[in-house]
């Protein structure tokens, strides 16, 4: 399971296929994130937490 910004959907799909893990769970956040404040990053994390939790606990 990994988290990346939406800019990297195509690259993530290609990488997962090339590593033989095309069904690897992933969560994408809005892009860009590099210039976000700590408060903004916490808000993004809180917003995506349910998806992330579901991805890491799904059977």
PDB file of N, CA and C in Angstrom:
ATOM      1  N   UNK A   1       0.844  -1.149   0.000  1.00  0.00           N
ATOM      2  CA  UNK A   1       0.000   0.000   0.000  1.00  0.00           C
ATOM      3  C   UNK A   1       0.897   1.221   0.000  1.00  0.00           C
ATOM      4  N   UNK A   2       0.525   2.205  -0.810  1.00  0.00           N
ATOM      5  CA  UNK A   2       1.289   3.446  -0.785  1.00  0.00           C
ATOM      6  C   UNK A   2       0.372   4.627  -1.012  1.00  0.00           C
ATOM      7  N   UNK A   3       0.885   5.803  -0.694  1.00  0.00           N
ATOM      8  CA  UNK A   3       0.162   7.057  -0.884  1.00  0.00           C
ATOM      9  C   UNK A   3       1.012   7.943  -1.767  1.00  0.00           C
ATOM     10  N   UNK A   4       0.377   8.564  -2.743  1.00  0.00           N
ATOM     11  CA  UNK A   4       1.066   9.497  -3.633  1.00  0.00           C
ATOM     12  C   UNK A   4       0.070  10.555  -4.074  1.00  0.00           C
ATOM     13  N   UNK A   5       0.574  11.599  -4.696  1.00  0.00           N
ATOM     14  CA  UNK A   5      -0.344  12.618  -5.189  1.00  0.00           C
ATOM     15  C   UNK A   5      -0.868  12.220  -6.567  1.00  0.00           C
ATOM     16  N   UNK A   6      -1.986  12.794  -6.921  1.00  0.00           N
ATOM     17  CA  UNK A   6      -2.708  12.414  -8.144  1.00  0.00           C
ATOM     18  C   UNK A   6      -1.882  12.601  -9.409  1.00  0.00           C
ATOM     19  N   UNK A   7      -0.874  13.416  -9.352  1.00  0.00           N
ATOM     20  CA  UNK A   7       0.008  13.617 -10.513  1.00  0.00           C
ATOM     21  C   UNK A   7       0.688  12.318 -10.941  1.00  0.00           C
ATOM     22  N   UNK A   8       0.776  11.354 -10.027  1.00  0.00           N
ATOM     23  CA  UNK A   8       1.573  10.155 -10.270  1.00  0.00           C
ATOM     24  C   UNK A   8       0.751   8.887 -10.500  1.00  0.00           C
ATOM     25  N   UNK A   9      -0.516   9.026 -10.845  1.00  0.00           N
ATOM     26  CA  UNK A   9      -1.371   7.851 -11.073  1.00  0.00           C
ATOM     27  C   UNK A   9      -0.799   6.973 -12.180  1.00  0.00           C
ATOM     28  N   UNK A  10      -0.504   7.548 -13.316  1.00  0.00           N
ATOM     29  CA  UNK A  10      -0.004   6.768 -14.453  1.00  0.00           C
ATOM     30  C   UNK A  10       1.332   6.109 -14.111  1.00  0.00           C
ATOM     31  N   UNK A  11       2.230   6.862 -13.492  1.00  0.00           N
ATOM     32  CA  UNK A  11       3.535   6.308 -13.123  1.00  0.00           C
ATOM     33  C   UNK A  11       3.383   5.193 -12.090  1.00  0.00           C
ATOM     34  N   UNK A  12       2.478   5.372 -11.143  1.00  0.00           N
ATOM     35  CA  UNK A  12       2.261   4.351 -10.116  1.00  0.00           C
ATOM     36  C   UNK A  12       1.712   3.072 -10.725  1.00  0.00           C
ATOM     37  N   UNK A  13       0.774   3.201 -11.655  1.00  0.00           N
ATOM     38  CA  UNK A  13       0.235   2.021 -12.332  1.00  0.00           C
ATOM     39  C   UNK A  13       1.331   1.277 -13.089  1.00  0.00           C
ATOM     40  N   UNK A  14       2.159   2.011 -13.807  1.00  0.00           N
ATOM     41  CA  UNK A  14       3.246   1.393 -14.570  1.00  0.00           C
ATOM     42  C   UNK A  14       4.251   0.713 -13.644  1.00  0.00           C
ATOM     43  N   UNK A  15       4.607   1.372 -12.554  1.00  0.00           N
ATOM     44  CA  UNK A  15       5.576   0.806 -11.612  1.00  0.00           C
ATOM     45  C   UNK A  15       5.019  -0.455 -10.959  1.00  0.00           C
ATOM     46  N   UNK A  16       3.761  -0.420 -10.556  1.00  0.00           N
ATOM     47  CA  UNK A  16       3.154  -1.594  -9.927  1.00  0.00           C
ATOM     48  C   UNK A  16       3.147  -2.781 -10.895  1.00  0.00           C
ATOM     49  N   UNK A  17       2.793  -2.522 -12.145  1.00  0.00           N
ATOM     50  CA  UNK A  17       2.809  -3.600 -13.149  1.00  0.00           C
ATOM     51  C   UNK A  17       4.226  -4.129 -13.354  1.00  0.00           C
ATOM     52  N   UNK A  18       5.195  -3.226 -13.446  1.00  0.00           N
ATOM     53  CA  UNK A  18       6.567  -3.671 -13.711  1.00  0.00           C
ATOM     54  C   UNK A  18       7.144  -4.460 -12.531  1.00  0.00           C
ATOM     55  N   UNK A  19       6.645  -4.205 -11.333  1.00  0.00           N
ATOM     56  CA  UNK A  19       7.102  -4.946 -10.156  1.00  0.00           C
ATOM     57  C   UNK A  19       6.289  -6.212  -9.914  1.00  0.00           C
ATOM     58  N   UNK A  20       5.326  -6.479 -10.794  1.00  0.00           N
ATOM     59  CA  UNK A  20       4.515  -7.684 -10.662  1.00  0.00           C
ATOM     60  C   UNK A  20       3.441  -7.580  -9.597  1.00  0.00           C
ATOM     61  N   UNK A  21       3.080  -6.357  -9.225  1.00  0.00           N
ATOM     62  CA  UNK A  21       2.054  -6.139  -8.200  1.00  0.00           C
ATOM     63  C   UNK A  21       0.971  -5.192  -8.707  1.00  0.00           C
ATOM     64  N   UNK A  22       0.317  -5.542  -9.815  1.00  0.00           N
ATOM     65  CA  UNK A  22      -0.661  -4.619 -10.403  1.00  0.00           C
ATOM     66  C   UNK A  22      -1.851  -4.324  -9.495  1.00  0.00           C
ATOM     67  N   UNK A  23      -2.114  -5.185  -8.520  1.00  0.00           N
ATOM     68  CA  UNK A  23      -3.247  -4.966  -7.619  1.00  0.00           C
ATOM     69  C   UNK A  23      -2.839  -4.297  -6.310  1.00  0.00           C
ATOM     70  N   UNK A  24      -1.621  -3.803  -6.238  1.00  0.00           N
ATOM     71  CA  UNK A  24      -1.153  -3.120  -5.044  1.00  0.00           C
ATOM     72  C   UNK A  24      -2.100  -1.964  -4.719  1.00  0.00           C
ATOM     73  N   UNK A  25      -2.540  -1.918  -3.483  1.00  0.00           N
ATOM     74  CA  UNK A  25      -3.471  -0.868  -3.090  1.00  0.00           C
ATOM     75  C   UNK A  25      -2.738   0.460  -3.014  1.00  0.00           C
ATOM     76  N   UNK A  26      -3.460   1.528  -3.402  1.00  0.00           N
ATOM     77  CA  UNK A  26      -2.867   2.857  -3.409  1.00  0.00           C
ATOM     78  C   UNK A  26      -3.927   3.911  -3.140  1.00  0.00           C
ATOM     79  N   UNK A  27      -3.517   4.986  -2.552  1.00  0.00           N
ATOM     80  CA  UNK A  27      -4.394   6.126  -2.304  1.00  0.00           C
ATOM     81  C   UNK A  27      -3.701   7.354  -2.878  1.00  0.00           C
ATOM     82  N   UNK A  28      -4.456   8.134  -3.632  1.00  0.00           N
ATOM     83  CA  UNK A  28      -3.904   9.343  -4.238  1.00  0.00           C
ATOM     84  C   UNK A  28      -4.539  10.582  -3.619  1.00  0.00           C
ATOM     85  N   UNK A  29      -3.690  11.540  -3.296  1.00  0.00           N
ATOM     86  CA  UNK A  29      -4.137  12.809  -2.741  1.00  0.00           C
ATOM     87  C   UNK A  29      -4.070  13.868  -3.839  1.00  0.00           C
ATOM     88  N   UNK A  30      -4.549  15.047  -3.526  1.00  0.00           N
ATOM     89  CA  UNK A  30      -4.451  16.128  -4.501  1.00  0.00           C
ATOM     90  C   UNK A  30      -2.984  16.518  -4.697  1.00  0.00           C
ATOM     91  N   UNK A  31      -2.726  17.160  -5.806  1.00  0.00           N
ATOM     92  CA  UNK A  31      -1.365  17.572  -6.169  1.00  0.00           C
ATOM     93  C   UNK A  31      -1.381  19.083  -6.336  1.00  0.00           C
ATOM     94  N   UNK A  32      -0.364  19.775  -6.000  1.00  0.00           N
ATOM     95  CA  UNK A  32       0.902  19.369  -5.393  1.00  0.00           C
ATOM     96  C   UNK A  32       0.806  19.372  -3.873  1.00  0.00           C
ATOM     97  N   UNK A  33       1.795  18.733  -3.244  1.00  0.00           N
ATOM     98  CA  UNK A  33       1.841  18.749  -1.786  1.00  0.00           C
ATOM     99  C   UNK A  33       3.141  19.332  -1.238  1.00  0.00           C
ATOM    100  N   UNK A  34       4.147  19.525  -2.076  1.00  0.00           N
ATOM    101  CA  UNK A  34       5.466  19.901  -1.555  1.00  0.00           C
ATOM    102  C   UNK A  34       5.494  21.252  -0.853  1.00  0.00           C
ATOM    103  N   UNK A  35       4.632  22.183  -1.187  1.00  0.00           N
ATOM    104  CA  UNK A  35       4.663  23.498  -0.551  1.00  0.00           C
ATOM    105  C   UNK A  35       3.556  23.682   0.479  1.00  0.00           C
ATOM    106  N   UNK A  36       2.942  22.602   0.921  1.00  0.00           N
ATOM    107  CA  UNK A  36       1.851  22.686   1.897  1.00  0.00           C
ATOM    108  C   UNK A  36       2.401  22.957   3.296  1.00  0.00           C
ATOM    109  N   UNK A  37       1.606  23.665   4.069  1.00  0.00           N
ATOM    110  CA  UNK A  37       1.971  23.890   5.469  1.00  0.00           C
ATOM    111  C   UNK A  37       1.699  22.616   6.262  1.00  0.00           C
ATOM    112  N   UNK A  38       2.213  22.567   7.467  1.00  0.00           N
ATOM    113  CA  UNK A  38       1.940  21.408   8.331  1.00  0.00           C
ATOM    114  C   UNK A  38       0.439  21.254   8.549  1.00  0.00           C
ATOM    115  N   UNK A  39      -0.252  22.361   8.760  1.00  0.00           N
ATOM    116  CA  UNK A  39      -1.701  22.305   8.977  1.00  0.00           C
ATOM    117  C   UNK A  39      -2.421  21.756   7.754  1.00  0.00           C
ATOM    118  N   UNK A  40      -1.995  22.166   6.573  1.00  0.00           N
ATOM    119  CA  UNK A  40      -2.610  21.654   5.345  1.00  0.00           C
ATOM    120  C   UNK A  40      -2.336  20.160   5.181  1.00  0.00           C
ATOM    121  N   UNK A  41      -1.111  19.733   5.512  1.00  0.00           N
ATOM    122  CA  UNK A  41      -0.779  18.307   5.394  1.00  0.00           C
ATOM    123  C   UNK A  41      -1.601  17.478   6.372  1.00  0.00           C
ATOM    124  N   UNK A  42      -1.822  17.984   7.571  1.00  0.00           N
ATOM    125  CA  UNK A  42      -2.667  17.273   8.530  1.00  0.00           C
ATOM    126  C   UNK A  42      -4.098  17.157   8.017  1.00  0.00           C
ATOM    127  N   UNK A  43      -4.599  18.206   7.395  1.00  0.00           N
ATOM    128  CA  UNK A  43      -5.957  18.171   6.844  1.00  0.00           C
ATOM    129  C   UNK A  43      -6.051  17.140   5.726  1.00  0.00           C
ATOM    130  N   UNK A  44      -5.048  17.091   4.868  1.00  0.00           N
ATOM    131  CA  UNK A  44      -5.028  16.105   3.775  1.00  0.00           C
ATOM    132  C   UNK A  44      -4.969  14.693   4.360  1.00  0.00           C
ATOM    133  N   UNK A  45      -4.115  14.495   5.354  1.00  0.00           N
ATOM    134  CA  UNK A  45      -4.004  13.176   5.987  1.00  0.00           C
ATOM    135  C   UNK A  45      -5.324  12.770   6.631  1.00  0.00           C
ATOM    136  N   UNK A  46      -5.950  13.698   7.339  1.00  0.00           N
ATOM    137  CA  UNK A  46      -7.247  13.396   7.960  1.00  0.00           C
ATOM    138  C   UNK A  46      -8.298  13.046   6.916  1.00  0.00           C
ATOM    139  N   UNK A  47      -8.299  13.761   5.815  1.00  0.00           N
ATOM    140  CA  UNK A  47      -9.291  13.516   4.758  1.00  0.00           C
ATOM    141  C   UNK A  47      -9.115  12.139   4.134  1.00  0.00           C
ATOM    142  N   UNK A  48      -7.873  11.700   3.983  1.00  0.00           N
ATOM    143  CA  UNK A  48      -7.604  10.430   3.296  1.00  0.00           C
ATOM    144  C   UNK A  48      -7.432   9.249   4.245  1.00  0.00           C
ATOM    145  N   UNK A  49      -7.436   9.504   5.541  1.00  0.00           N
ATOM    146  CA  UNK A  49      -7.223   8.438   6.514  1.00  0.00           C
ATOM    147  C   UNK A  49      -8.166   7.251   6.333  1.00  0.00           C
ATOM    148  N   UNK A  50      -9.477   7.461   6.138  1.00  0.00           N
ATOM    149  CA  UNK A  50     -10.351   6.296   5.962  1.00  0.00           C
ATOM    150  C   UNK A  50      -9.949   5.416   4.777  1.00  0.00           C
ATOM    151  N   UNK A  51      -9.557   6.038   3.675  1.00  0.00           N
ATOM    152  CA  UNK A  51      -9.106   5.279   2.494  1.00  0.00           C
ATOM    153  C   UNK A  51      -7.827   4.519   2.796  1.00  0.00           C
ATOM    154  N   UNK A  52      -6.905   5.173   3.469  1.00  0.00           N
ATOM    155  CA  UNK A  52      -5.632   4.535   3.797  1.00  0.00           C
ATOM    156  C   UNK A  52      -5.851   3.361   4.740  1.00  0.00           C
ATOM    157  N   UNK A  53      -6.644   3.576   5.770  1.00  0.00           N
ATOM    158  CA  UNK A  53      -6.941   2.505   6.707  1.00  0.00           C
ATOM    159  C   UNK A  53      -7.606   1.320   6.003  1.00  0.00           C
ATOM    160  N   UNK A  54      -8.554   1.603   5.132  1.00  0.00           N
ATOM    161  CA  UNK A  54      -9.216   0.526   4.385  1.00  0.00           C
ATOM    162  C   UNK A  54      -8.218  -0.230   3.515  1.00  0.00           C
ATOM    163  N   UNK A  55      -7.292   0.497   2.896  1.00  0.00           N
ATOM    164  CA  UNK A  55      -6.314  -0.144   2.019  1.00  0.00           C
ATOM    165  C   UNK A  55      -5.355  -1.051   2.784  1.00  0.00           C
ATOM    166  N   UNK A  56      -4.980  -0.654   3.996  1.00  0.00           N
ATOM    167  CA  UNK A  56      -4.009  -1.472   4.730  1.00  0.00           C
ATOM    168  C   UNK A  56      -4.659  -2.574   5.536  1.00  0.00           C
ATOM    169  N   UNK A  57      -5.971  -2.528   5.703  1.00  0.00           N
ATOM    170  CA  UNK A  57      -6.630  -3.565   6.493  1.00  0.00           C
ATOM    171  C   UNK A  57      -7.492  -4.495   5.643  1.00  0.00           C
ATOM    172  N   UNK A  58      -7.628  -4.189   4.360  1.00  0.00           N
ATOM    173  CA  UNK A  58      -8.446  -5.044   3.483  1.00  0.00           C
ATOM    174  C   UNK A  58      -7.767  -6.387   3.300  1.00  0.00           C
ATOM    175  N   UNK A  59      -8.574  -7.420   3.242  1.00  0.00           N
ATOM    176  CA  UNK A  59      -8.034  -8.767   3.080  1.00  0.00           C
ATOM    177  C   UNK A  59      -7.801  -9.110   1.715  1.00  0.00           C
TER     178      UNK A  59
END
